[in-house]
Amino acid sequence: MKEYMGSNSGKKIHLNIEGEMTIRHMEEFNLMISLAIASGLDIEIDLSQVTEMDKAGLHVMLAAKFESIVRGSRLILVGQRSAVVREIMESNELTGILDAPVFADKRYA
């Protein structure tokens, strides 16, 4: 079972992801993250309660990171990652990319 909870402080959106981030749930997660990115606000994502993640989940996170850069906002992973998230990020050598606090220059977006 997966659950997506979000809050909006007016300056940023905070998303807590719980359960599975697998291909079975990517349509829902992709829609949620796309709406968050479209807001133009910075996005914080907490993956500490993710119990399963496959390459589809990782792909959506990477695509969201790059899309947020293009749109001039930041996507930041906050809190501790669950063991499964750490494992897939490390095994694909993507920890540094997803953790990097990139600031886009809006003139080029």
PDB file of N, CA and C in Angstrom:
ATOM      1  N   MET A   1       0.851  -1.186   0.000  1.00  0.00           N
ATOM      2  CA  MET A   1       0.000   0.000   0.000  1.00  0.00           C
ATOM      3  C   MET A   1       0.888   1.238   0.000  1.00  0.00           C
ATOM      4  N   LYS A   2       0.525   2.212  -0.772  1.00  0.00           N
ATOM      5  CA  LYS A   2       1.286   3.439  -0.795  1.00  0.00           C
ATOM      6  C   LYS A   2       0.394   4.581  -0.353  1.00  0.00           C
ATOM      7  N   GLU A   3       1.020   5.605   0.178  1.00  0.00           N
ATOM      8  CA  GLU A   3       0.287   6.786   0.588  1.00  0.00           C
ATOM      9  C   GLU A   3       1.150   8.000   0.312  1.00  0.00           C
ATOM     10  N   TYR A   4       0.532   9.006  -0.260  1.00  0.00           N
ATOM     11  CA  TYR A   4       1.220  10.246  -0.537  1.00  0.00           C
ATOM     12  C   TYR A   4       0.527  11.334   0.264  1.00  0.00           C
ATOM     13  N   MET A   5       1.264  12.001   1.102  1.00  0.00           N
ATOM     14  CA  MET A   5       0.704  13.093   1.880  1.00  0.00           C
ATOM     15  C   MET A   5       1.503  14.344   1.555  1.00  0.00           C
ATOM     16  N   GLY A   6       0.816  15.432   1.400  1.00  0.00           N
ATOM     17  CA  GLY A   6       1.516  16.656   1.075  1.00  0.00           C
ATOM     18  C   GLY A   6       0.988  17.835   1.856  1.00  0.00           C
ATOM     19  N   SER A   7       1.828  18.847   1.959  1.00  0.00           N
ATOM     20  CA  SER A   7       1.413  20.099   2.572  1.00  0.00           C
ATOM     21  C   SER A   7       2.074  21.231   1.797  1.00  0.00           C
ATOM     22  N   ASN A   8       1.439  22.389   1.842  1.00  0.00           N
ATOM     23  CA  ASN A   8       1.917  23.539   1.095  1.00  0.00           C
ATOM     24  C   ASN A   8       2.004  24.708   2.059  1.00  0.00           C
ATOM     25  N   SER A   9       3.212  25.214   2.282  1.00  0.00           N
ATOM     26  CA  SER A   9       3.405  26.330   3.201  1.00  0.00           C
ATOM     27  C   SER A   9       3.300  27.676   2.494  1.00  0.00           C
ATOM     28  N   GLY A  10       3.049  27.665   1.195  1.00  0.00           N
ATOM     29  CA  GLY A  10       3.040  28.904   0.427  1.00  0.00           C
ATOM     30  C   GLY A  10       4.391  29.200  -0.194  1.00  0.00           C
ATOM     31  N   LYS A  11       5.463  28.636   0.358  1.00  0.00           N
ATOM     32  CA  LYS A  11       6.810  28.830  -0.177  1.00  0.00           C
ATOM     33  C   LYS A  11       7.388  27.530  -0.714  1.00  0.00           C
ATOM     34  N   LYS A  12       6.880  26.425  -0.198  1.00  0.00           N
ATOM     35  CA  LYS A  12       7.368  25.123  -0.644  1.00  0.00           C
ATOM     36  C   LYS A  12       6.278  24.087  -0.413  1.00  0.00           C
ATOM     37  N   ILE A  13       6.427  22.989  -1.108  1.00  0.00           N
ATOM     38  CA  ILE A  13       5.528  21.857  -0.950  1.00  0.00           C
ATOM     39  C   ILE A  13       6.322  20.742  -0.298  1.00  0.00           C
ATOM     40  N   HIS A  14       5.746  20.128   0.716  1.00  0.00           N
ATOM     41  CA  HIS A  14       6.401  19.010   1.402  1.00  0.00           C
ATOM     42  C   HIS A  14       5.589  17.751   1.137  1.00  0.00           C
ATOM     43  N   LEU A  15       6.247  16.718   0.604  1.00  0.00           N
ATOM     44  CA  LEU A  15       5.587  15.451   0.305  1.00  0.00           C
ATOM     45  C   LEU A  15       6.194  14.344   1.134  1.00  0.00           C
ATOM     46  N   ASN A  16       5.351  13.593   1.822  1.00  0.00           N
ATOM     47  CA  ASN A  16       5.772  12.385   2.535  1.00  0.00           C
ATOM     48  C   ASN A  16       5.309  11.195   1.717  1.00  0.00           C
ATOM     49  N   ILE A  17       6.228  10.354   1.327  1.00  0.00           N
ATOM     50  CA  ILE A  17       5.887   9.174   0.542  1.00  0.00           C
ATOM     51  C   ILE A  17       5.981   7.961   1.457  1.00  0.00           C
ATOM     52  N   GLU A  18       4.907   7.177   1.501  1.00  0.00           N
ATOM     53  CA  GLU A  18       4.880   5.983   2.346  1.00  0.00           C
ATOM     54  C   GLU A  18       4.518   4.774   1.496  1.00  0.00           C
ATOM     55  N   GLY A  19       5.134   3.650   1.796  1.00  0.00           N
ATOM     56  CA  GLY A  19       4.817   2.407   1.089  1.00  0.00           C
ATOM     57  C   GLY A  19       5.687   2.210  -0.130  1.00  0.00           C
ATOM     58  N   GLU A  20       5.056   1.739  -1.201  1.00  0.00           N
ATOM     59  CA  GLU A  20       5.792   1.336  -2.401  1.00  0.00           C
ATOM     60  C   GLU A  20       5.955   2.478  -3.395  1.00  0.00           C
ATOM     61  N   MET A  21       7.141   2.575  -3.940  1.00  0.00           N
ATOM     62  CA  MET A  21       7.403   3.431  -5.106  1.00  0.00           C
ATOM     63  C   MET A  21       7.858   2.496  -6.215  1.00  0.00           C
ATOM     64  N   THR A  22       6.888   1.786  -6.761  1.00  0.00           N
ATOM     65  CA  THR A  22       7.182   0.787  -7.782  1.00  0.00           C
ATOM     66  C   THR A  22       6.381   1.092  -9.035  1.00  0.00           C
ATOM     67  N   ILE A  23       6.634   0.337 -10.072  1.00  0.00           N
ATOM     68  CA  ILE A  23       5.968   0.558 -11.344  1.00  0.00           C
ATOM     69  C   ILE A  23       4.448   0.487 -11.199  1.00  0.00           C
ATOM     70  N   ARG A  24       3.955  -0.273 -10.243  1.00  0.00           N
ATOM     71  CA  ARG A  24       2.508  -0.396 -10.031  1.00  0.00           C
ATOM     72  C   ARG A  24       1.869   0.922  -9.623  1.00  0.00           C
ATOM     73  N   HIS A  25       2.640   1.825  -9.029  1.00  0.00           N
ATOM     74  CA  HIS A  25       2.089   3.072  -8.501  1.00  0.00           C
ATOM     75  C   HIS A  25       2.667   4.322  -9.174  1.00  0.00           C
ATOM     76  N   MET A  26       3.397   4.140 -10.250  1.00  0.00           N
ATOM     77  CA  MET A  26       4.089   5.279 -10.848  1.00  0.00           C
ATOM     78  C   MET A  26       3.144   6.299 -11.473  1.00  0.00           C
ATOM     79  N   GLU A  27       2.030   5.867 -12.019  1.00  0.00           N
ATOM     80  CA  GLU A  27       1.108   6.827 -12.622  1.00  0.00           C
ATOM     81  C   GLU A  27       0.615   7.828 -11.574  1.00  0.00           C
ATOM     82  N   GLU A  28       0.229   7.331 -10.406  1.00  0.00           N
ATOM     83  CA  GLU A  28      -0.221   8.206  -9.319  1.00  0.00           C
ATOM     84  C   GLU A  28       0.896   9.128  -8.839  1.00  0.00           C
ATOM     85  N   PHE A  29       2.068   8.547  -8.592  1.00  0.00           N
ATOM     86  CA  PHE A  29       3.179   9.340  -8.082  1.00  0.00           C
ATOM     87  C   PHE A  29       3.618  10.374  -9.116  1.00  0.00           C
ATOM     88  N   ASN A  30       3.682   9.971 -10.374  1.00  0.00           N
ATOM     89  CA  ASN A  30       4.101  10.891 -11.428  1.00  0.00           C
ATOM     90  C   ASN A  30       3.131  12.065 -11.527  1.00  0.00           C
ATOM     91  N   LEU A  31       1.834  11.820 -11.425  1.00  0.00           N
ATOM     92  CA  LEU A  31       0.851  12.895 -11.471  1.00  0.00           C
ATOM     93  C   LEU A  31       1.037  13.838 -10.286  1.00  0.00           C
ATOM     94  N   MET A  32       1.217  13.272  -9.087  1.00  0.00           N
ATOM     95  CA  MET A  32       1.385  14.087  -7.891  1.00  0.00           C
ATOM     96  C   MET A  32       2.635  14.960  -7.985  1.00  0.00           C
ATOM     97  N   ILE A  33       3.740  14.389  -8.407  1.00  0.00           N
ATOM     98  CA  ILE A  33       4.985  15.143  -8.468  1.00  0.00           C
ATOM     99  C   ILE A  33       4.930  16.169  -9.606  1.00  0.00           C
ATOM    100  N   SER A  34       4.250  15.841 -10.705  1.00  0.00           N
ATOM    101  CA  SER A  34       4.105  16.795 -11.807  1.00  0.00           C
ATOM    102  C   SER A  34       3.302  18.013 -11.374  1.00  0.00           C
ATOM    103  N   LEU A  35       2.240  17.798 -10.617  1.00  0.00           N
ATOM    104  CA  LEU A  35       1.442  18.919 -10.114  1.00  0.00           C
ATOM    105  C   LEU A  35       2.257  19.776  -9.149  1.00  0.00           C
ATOM    106  N   ALA A  36       3.052  19.127  -8.323  1.00  0.00           N
ATOM    107  CA  ALA A  36       3.899  19.874  -7.381  1.00  0.00           C
ATOM    108  C   ALA A  36       4.916  20.721  -8.139  1.00  0.00           C
ATOM    109  N   ILE A  37       5.539  20.153  -9.159  1.00  0.00           N
ATOM    110  CA  ILE A  37       6.527  20.890  -9.943  1.00  0.00           C
ATOM    111  C   ILE A  37       5.863  22.049 -10.684  1.00  0.00           C
ATOM    112  N   ALA A  38       4.678  21.815 -11.228  1.00  0.00           N
ATOM    113  CA  ALA A  38       3.966  22.858 -11.972  1.00  0.00           C
ATOM    114  C   ALA A  38       3.620  24.060 -11.100  1.00  0.00           C
ATOM    115  N   SER A  39       3.575  23.872  -9.778  1.00  0.00           N
ATOM    116  CA  SER A  39       3.257  24.978  -8.875  1.00  0.00           C
ATOM    117  C   SER A  39       4.348  26.046  -8.881  1.00  0.00           C
ATOM    118  N   GLY A  40       5.560  25.649  -9.284  1.00  0.00           N
ATOM    119  CA  GLY A  40       6.675  26.588  -9.285  1.00  0.00           C
ATOM    120  C   GLY A  40       7.338  26.748  -7.929  1.00  0.00           C
ATOM    121  N   LEU A  41       6.799  26.074  -6.920  1.00  0.00           N
ATOM    122  CA  LEU A  41       7.378  26.149  -5.578  1.00  0.00           C
ATOM    123  C   LEU A  41       8.480  25.111  -5.425  1.00  0.00           C
ATOM    124  N   ASP A  42       9.359  25.332  -4.449  1.00  0.00           N
ATOM    125  CA  ASP A  42      10.338  24.307  -4.113  1.00  0.00           C
ATOM    126  C   ASP A  42       9.608  23.114  -3.527  1.00  0.00           C
ATOM    127  N   ILE A  43      10.167  21.928  -3.723  1.00  0.00           N
ATOM    128  CA  ILE A  43       9.530  20.696  -3.272  1.00  0.00           C
ATOM    129  C   ILE A  43      10.481  19.940  -2.366  1.00  0.00           C
ATOM    130  N   GLU A  44       9.994  19.572  -1.193  1.00  0.00           N
ATOM    131  CA  GLU A  44      10.725  18.695  -0.279  1.00  0.00           C
ATOM    132  C   GLU A  44      10.042  17.341  -0.307  1.00  0.00           C
ATOM    133  N   ILE A  45      10.831  16.289  -0.463  1.00  0.00           N
ATOM    134  CA  ILE A  45      10.275  14.940  -0.478  1.00  0.00           C
ATOM    135  C   ILE A  45      10.949  14.122   0.613  1.00  0.00           C
ATOM    136  N   ASP A  46      10.126  13.527   1.456  1.00  0.00           N
ATOM    137  CA  ASP A  46      10.593  12.653   2.531  1.00  0.00           C
ATOM    138  C   ASP A  46      10.337  11.208   2.112  1.00  0.00           C
ATOM    139  N   LEU A  47      11.412  10.436   1.943  1.00  0.00           N
ATOM    140  CA  LEU A  47      11.320   9.041   1.517  1.00  0.00           C
ATOM    141  C   LEU A  47      11.590   8.063   2.668  1.00  0.00           C
ATOM    142  N   SER A  48      11.510   8.536   3.897  1.00  0.00           N
ATOM    143  CA  SER A  48      11.877   7.696   5.036  1.00  0.00           C
ATOM    144  C   SER A  48      10.919   6.526   5.273  1.00  0.00           C
ATOM    145  N   GLN A  49       9.693   6.623   4.759  1.00  0.00           N
ATOM    146  CA  GLN A  49       8.712   5.562   4.982  1.00  0.00           C
ATOM    147  C   GLN A  49       8.461   4.704   3.741  1.00  0.00           C
ATOM    148  N   VAL A  50       9.338   4.818   2.745  1.00  0.00           N
ATOM    149  CA  VAL A  50       9.214   3.999   1.537  1.00  0.00           C
ATOM    150  C   VAL A  50       9.671   2.582   1.859  1.00  0.00           C
ATOM    151  N   THR A  51       8.806   1.608   1.572  1.00  0.00           N
ATOM    152  CA  THR A  51       9.103   0.214   1.900  1.00  0.00           C
ATOM    153  C   THR A  51       9.622  -0.579   0.712  1.00  0.00           C
ATOM    154  N   GLU A  52       9.383  -0.080  -0.503  1.00  0.00           N
ATOM    155  CA  GLU A  52       9.860  -0.756  -1.698  1.00  0.00           C
ATOM    156  C   GLU A  52      10.041   0.285  -2.797  1.00  0.00           C
ATOM    157  N   MET A  53      11.147   0.161  -3.526  1.00  0.00           N
ATOM    158  CA  MET A  53      11.403   1.073  -4.636  1.00  0.00           C
ATOM    159  C   MET A  53      12.094   0.292  -5.735  1.00  0.00           C
ATOM    160  N   ASP A  54      11.587   0.427  -6.942  1.00  0.00           N
ATOM    161  CA  ASP A  54      12.245  -0.203  -8.081  1.00  0.00           C
ATOM    162  C   ASP A  54      12.797   0.881  -9.001  1.00  0.00           C
ATOM    163  N   LYS A  55      13.310   0.454 -10.153  1.00  0.00           N
ATOM    164  CA  LYS A  55      13.918   1.434 -11.064  1.00  0.00           C
ATOM    165  C   LYS A  55      12.890   2.415 -11.620  1.00  0.00           C
ATOM    166  N   ALA A  56      11.637   2.026 -11.697  1.00  0.00           N
ATOM    167  CA  ALA A  56      10.607   2.961 -12.156  1.00  0.00           C
ATOM    168  C   ALA A  56      10.464   4.107 -11.151  1.00  0.00           C
ATOM    169  N   GLY A  57      10.487   3.783  -9.872  1.00  0.00           N
ATOM    170  CA  GLY A  57      10.423   4.818  -8.839  1.00  0.00           C
ATOM    171  C   GLY A  57      11.632   5.726  -8.890  1.00  0.00           C
ATOM    172  N   LEU A  58      12.774   5.143  -9.083  1.00  0.00           N
ATOM    173  CA  LEU A  58      14.002   5.918  -9.194  1.00  0.00           C
ATOM    174  C   LEU A  58      13.961   6.818 -10.437  1.00  0.00           C
ATOM    175  N   HIS A  59      13.458   6.279 -11.533  1.00  0.00           N
ATOM    176  CA  HIS A  59      13.345   7.058 -12.767  1.00  0.00           C
ATOM    177  C   HIS A  59      12.452   8.285 -12.566  1.00  0.00           C
ATOM    178  N   VAL A  60      11.320   8.113 -11.906  1.00  0.00           N
ATOM    179  CA  VAL A  60      10.423   9.243 -11.675  1.00  0.00           C
ATOM    180  C   VAL A  60      11.102  10.293 -10.803  1.00  0.00           C
ATOM    181  N   MET A  61      11.868   9.862  -9.803  1.00  0.00           N
ATOM    182  CA  MET A  61      12.581  10.817  -8.954  1.00  0.00           C
ATOM    183  C   MET A  61      13.613  11.601  -9.772  1.00  0.00           C
ATOM    184  N   LEU A  62      14.351  10.927 -10.646  1.00  0.00           N
ATOM    185  CA  LEU A  62      15.339  11.606 -11.485  1.00  0.00           C
ATOM    186  C   LEU A  62      14.669  12.574 -12.456  1.00  0.00           C
ATOM    187  N   ALA A  63      13.603  12.125 -13.091  1.00  0.00           N
ATOM    188  CA  ALA A  63      12.887  12.995 -14.024  1.00  0.00           C
ATOM    189  C   ALA A  63      12.333  14.214 -13.296  1.00  0.00           C
ATOM    190  N   ALA A  64      11.820  14.008 -12.085  1.00  0.00           N
ATOM    191  CA  ALA A  64      11.284  15.125 -11.297  1.00  0.00           C
ATOM    192  C   ALA A  64      12.392  16.100 -10.918  1.00  0.00           C
ATOM    193  N   LYS A  65      13.547  15.579 -10.562  1.00  0.00           N
ATOM    194  CA  LYS A  65      14.684  16.438 -10.207  1.00  0.00           C
ATOM    195  C   LYS A  65      15.063  17.331 -11.385  1.00  0.00           C
ATOM    196  N   PHE A  66      15.197  16.742 -12.562  1.00  0.00           N
ATOM    197  CA  PHE A  66      15.601  17.510 -13.724  1.00  0.00           C
ATOM    198  C   PHE A  66      14.497  18.472 -14.181  1.00  0.00           C
ATOM    199  N   GLU A  67      13.246  18.056 -14.110  1.00  0.00           N
ATOM    200  CA  GLU A  67      12.141  18.939 -14.487  1.00  0.00           C
ATOM    201  C   GLU A  67      12.061  20.138 -13.552  1.00  0.00           C
ATOM    202  N   SER A  68      12.294  19.910 -12.270  1.00  0.00           N
ATOM    203  CA  SER A  68      12.267  21.036 -11.327  1.00  0.00           C
ATOM    204  C   SER A  68      13.391  22.027 -11.631  1.00  0.00           C
ATOM    205  N   ILE A  69      14.542  21.523 -12.044  1.00  0.00           N
ATOM    206  CA  ILE A  69      15.654  22.401 -12.411  1.00  0.00           C
ATOM    207  C   ILE A  69      15.272  23.250 -13.626  1.00  0.00           C
ATOM    208  N   VAL A  70      14.695  22.618 -14.631  1.00  0.00           N
ATOM    209  CA  VAL A  70      14.290  23.328 -15.843  1.00  0.00           C
ATOM    210  C   VAL A  70      13.278  24.420 -15.517  1.00  0.00           C
ATOM    211  N   ARG A  71      12.388  24.145 -14.581  1.00  0.00           N
ATOM    212  CA  ARG A  71      11.337  25.115 -14.237  1.00  0.00           C
ATOM    213  C   ARG A  71      11.802  26.152 -13.208  1.00  0.00           C
ATOM    214  N   GLY A  72      13.029  26.020 -12.725  1.00  0.00           N
ATOM    215  CA  GLY A  72      13.564  27.027 -11.827  1.00  0.00           C
ATOM    216  C   GLY A  72      13.217  26.835 -10.362  1.00  0.00           C
ATOM    217  N   SER A  73      12.830  25.639  -9.992  1.00  0.00           N
ATOM    218  CA  SER A  73      12.572  25.363  -8.572  1.00  0.00           C
ATOM    219  C   SER A  73      13.544  24.294  -8.091  1.00  0.00           C
ATOM    220  N   ARG A  74      13.452  23.962  -6.831  1.00  0.00           N
ATOM    221  CA  ARG A  74      14.347  22.950  -6.261  1.00  0.00           C
ATOM    222  C   ARG A  74      13.531  21.766  -5.785  1.00  0.00           C
ATOM    223  N   LEU A  75      14.042  20.579  -6.026  1.00  0.00           N
ATOM    224  CA  LEU A  75      13.492  19.354  -5.462  1.00  0.00           C
ATOM    225  C   LEU A  75      14.549  18.828  -4.502  1.00  0.00           C
ATOM    226  N   ILE A  76      14.180  18.748  -3.233  1.00  0.00           N
ATOM    227  CA  ILE A  76      15.138  18.403  -2.193  1.00  0.00           C
ATOM    228  C   ILE A  76      14.641  17.178  -1.441  1.00  0.00           C
ATOM    229  N   LEU A  77      15.516  16.191  -1.271  1.00  0.00           N
ATOM    230  CA  LEU A  77      15.185  15.047  -0.430  1.00  0.00           C
ATOM    231  C   LEU A  77      15.504  15.422   1.007  1.00  0.00           C
ATOM    232  N   VAL A  78      14.533  15.254   1.885  1.00  0.00           N
ATOM    233  CA  VAL A  78      14.719  15.610   3.287  1.00  0.00           C
ATOM    234  C   VAL A  78      14.552  14.374   4.156  1.00  0.00           C
ATOM    235  N   GLY A  79      15.062  14.439   5.360  1.00  0.00           N
ATOM    236  CA  GLY A  79      14.934  13.330   6.309  1.00  0.00           C
ATOM    237  C   GLY A  79      15.806  12.151   5.930  1.00  0.00           C
ATOM    238  N   GLN A  80      15.704  11.120   6.707  1.00  0.00           N
ATOM    239  CA  GLN A  80      16.441   9.884   6.450  1.00  0.00           C
ATOM    240  C   GLN A  80      15.788   9.119   5.319  1.00  0.00           C
ATOM    241  N   ARG A  81      16.567   8.480   4.498  1.00  0.00           N
ATOM    242  CA  ARG A  81      16.007   7.584   3.487  1.00  0.00           C
ATOM    243  C   ARG A  81      15.821   6.220   4.119  1.00  0.00           C
ATOM    244  N   SER A  82      14.787   5.508   3.690  1.00  0.00           N
ATOM    245  CA  SER A  82      14.634   4.138   4.163  1.00  0.00           C
ATOM    246  C   SER A  82      15.770   3.303   3.580  1.00  0.00           C
ATOM    247  N   ALA A  83      15.984   2.134   4.137  1.00  0.00           N
ATOM    248  CA  ALA A  83      17.072   1.268   3.679  1.00  0.00           C
ATOM    249  C   ALA A  83      16.912   0.907   2.204  1.00  0.00           C
ATOM    250  N   VAL A  84      15.690   0.658   1.745  1.00  0.00           N
ATOM    251  CA  VAL A  84      15.502   0.286   0.341  1.00  0.00           C
ATOM    252  C   VAL A  84      15.815   1.462  -0.590  1.00  0.00           C
ATOM    253  N   VAL A  85      15.496   2.666  -0.175  1.00  0.00           N
ATOM    254  CA  VAL A  85      15.802   3.846  -0.993  1.00  0.00           C
ATOM    255  C   VAL A  85      17.311   4.051  -1.054  1.00  0.00           C
ATOM    256  N   ARG A  86      17.970   3.966   0.088  1.00  0.00           N
ATOM    257  CA  ARG A  86      19.432   4.114   0.102  1.00  0.00           C
ATOM    258  C   ARG A  86      20.087   3.076  -0.796  1.00  0.00           C
ATOM    259  N   GLU A  87      19.614   1.840  -0.696  1.00  0.00           N
ATOM    260  CA  GLU A  87      20.214   0.751  -1.467  1.00  0.00           C
ATOM    261  C   GLU A  87      20.090   0.980  -2.971  1.00  0.00           C
ATOM    262  N   ILE A  88      18.897   1.336  -3.459  1.00  0.00           N
ATOM    263  CA  ILE A  88      18.738   1.519  -4.906  1.00  0.00           C
ATOM    264  C   ILE A  88      19.476   2.765  -5.385  1.00  0.00           C
ATOM    265  N   MET A  89      19.515   3.807  -4.577  1.00  0.00           N
ATOM    266  CA  MET A  89      20.252   5.014  -4.976  1.00  0.00           C
ATOM    267  C   MET A  89      21.750   4.730  -5.040  1.00  0.00           C
ATOM    268  N   GLU A  90      22.258   4.028  -4.043  1.00  0.00           N
ATOM    269  CA  GLU A  90      23.695   3.722  -4.017  1.00  0.00           C
ATOM    270  C   GLU A  90      24.077   2.728  -5.114  1.00  0.00           C
ATOM    271  N   SER A  91      23.268   1.699  -5.335  1.00  0.00           N
ATOM    272  CA  SER A  91      23.612   0.691  -6.340  1.00  0.00           C
ATOM    273  C   SER A  91      23.579   1.267  -7.757  1.00  0.00           C
ATOM    274  N   ASN A  92      22.836   2.340  -7.955  1.00  0.00           N
ATOM    275  CA  ASN A  92      22.792   3.004  -9.261  1.00  0.00           C
ATOM    276  C   ASN A  92      23.643   4.269  -9.298  1.00  0.00           C
ATOM    277  N   GLU A  93      24.415   4.489  -8.227  1.00  0.00           N
ATOM    278  CA  GLU A  93      25.327   5.621  -8.109  1.00  0.00           C
ATOM    279  C   GLU A  93      24.629   6.959  -8.366  1.00  0.00           C
ATOM    280  N   LEU A  94      23.453   7.135  -7.749  1.00  0.00           N
ATOM    281  CA  LEU A  94      22.663   8.342  -7.968  1.00  0.00           C
ATOM    282  C   LEU A  94      22.454   9.176  -6.713  1.00  0.00           C
ATOM    283  N   THR A  95      23.070   8.790  -5.618  1.00  0.00           N
ATOM    284  CA  THR A  95      22.868   9.534  -4.374  1.00  0.00           C
ATOM    285  C   THR A  95      23.247  10.987  -4.543  1.00  0.00           C
ATOM    286  N   GLY A  96      24.399  11.260  -5.111  1.00  0.00           N
ATOM    287  CA  GLY A  96      24.858  12.635  -5.264  1.00  0.00           C
ATOM    288  C   GLY A  96      23.968  13.476  -6.162  1.00  0.00           C
ATOM    289  N   ILE A  97      23.427  12.868  -7.202  1.00  0.00           N
ATOM    290  CA  ILE A  97      22.581  13.610  -8.132  1.00  0.00           C
ATOM    291  C   ILE A  97      21.272  14.014  -7.467  1.00  0.00           C
ATOM    292  N   LEU A  98      20.637  13.089  -6.781  1.00  0.00           N
ATOM    293  CA  LEU A  98      19.351  13.406  -6.155  1.00  0.00           C
ATOM    294  C   LEU A  98      19.513  14.279  -4.923  1.00  0.00           C
ATOM    295  N   ASP A  99      20.647  14.224  -4.269  1.00  0.00           N
ATOM    296  CA  ASP A  99      20.859  15.031  -3.069  1.00  0.00           C
ATOM    297  C   ASP A  99      21.387  16.427  -3.365  1.00  0.00           C
ATOM    298  N   ALA A 100      21.873  16.651  -4.571  1.00  0.00           N
ATOM    299  CA  ALA A 100      22.488  17.942  -4.891  1.00  0.00           C
ATOM    300  C   ALA A 100      21.455  19.063  -4.858  1.00  0.00           C
ATOM    301  N   PRO A 101      21.748  20.116  -4.091  1.00  0.00           N
ATOM    302  CA  PRO A 101      20.829  21.266  -4.056  1.00  0.00           C
ATOM    303  C   PRO A 101      21.104  22.190  -5.247  1.00  0.00           C
ATOM    304  N   VAL A 102      20.512  21.893  -6.372  1.00  0.00           N
ATOM    305  CA  VAL A 102      20.757  22.646  -7.599  1.00  0.00           C
ATOM    306  C   VAL A 102      19.819  23.838  -7.648  1.00  0.00           C
ATOM    307  N   PHE A 103      20.373  24.982  -7.978  1.00  0.00           N
ATOM    308  CA  PHE A 103      19.592  26.204  -8.146  1.00  0.00           C
ATOM    309  C   PHE A 103      19.628  26.561  -9.622  1.00  0.00           C
ATOM    310  N   ALA A 104      18.485  26.556 -10.258  1.00  0.00           N
ATOM    311  CA  ALA A 104      18.433  26.862 -11.681  1.00  0.00           C
ATOM    312  C   ALA A 104      18.364  28.361 -11.898  1.00  0.00           C
ATOM    313  N   ASP A 105      18.968  28.804 -12.958  1.00  0.00           N
ATOM    314  CA  ASP A 105      18.875  30.202 -13.359  1.00  0.00           C
ATOM    315  C   ASP A 105      17.626  30.326 -14.227  1.00  0.00           C
ATOM    316  N   LYS A 106      16.606  31.021 -13.742  1.00  0.00           N
ATOM    317  CA  LYS A 106      15.320  31.085 -14.431  1.00  0.00           C
ATOM    318  C   LYS A 106      15.421  31.752 -15.799  1.00  0.00           C
ATOM    319  N   ARG A 107      16.497  32.450 -16.086  1.00  0.00           N
ATOM    320  CA  ARG A 107      16.638  33.063 -17.410  1.00  0.00           C
ATOM    321  C   ARG A 107      16.761  32.012 -18.496  1.00  0.00           C
ATOM    322  N   TYR A 108      17.193  30.795 -18.129  1.00  0.00           N
ATOM    323  CA  TYR A 108      17.407  29.751 -19.112  1.00  0.00           C
ATOM    324  C   TYR A 108      16.334  28.684 -19.083  1.00  0.00           C
ATOM    325  N   ALA A 109      15.318  28.845 -18.276  1.00  0.00           N
ATOM    326  CA  ALA A 109      14.258  27.841 -18.161  1.00  0.00           C
ATOM    327  C   ALA A 109      13.269  27.974 -19.292  1.00  0.00           C
TER     328      ALA A 109
END
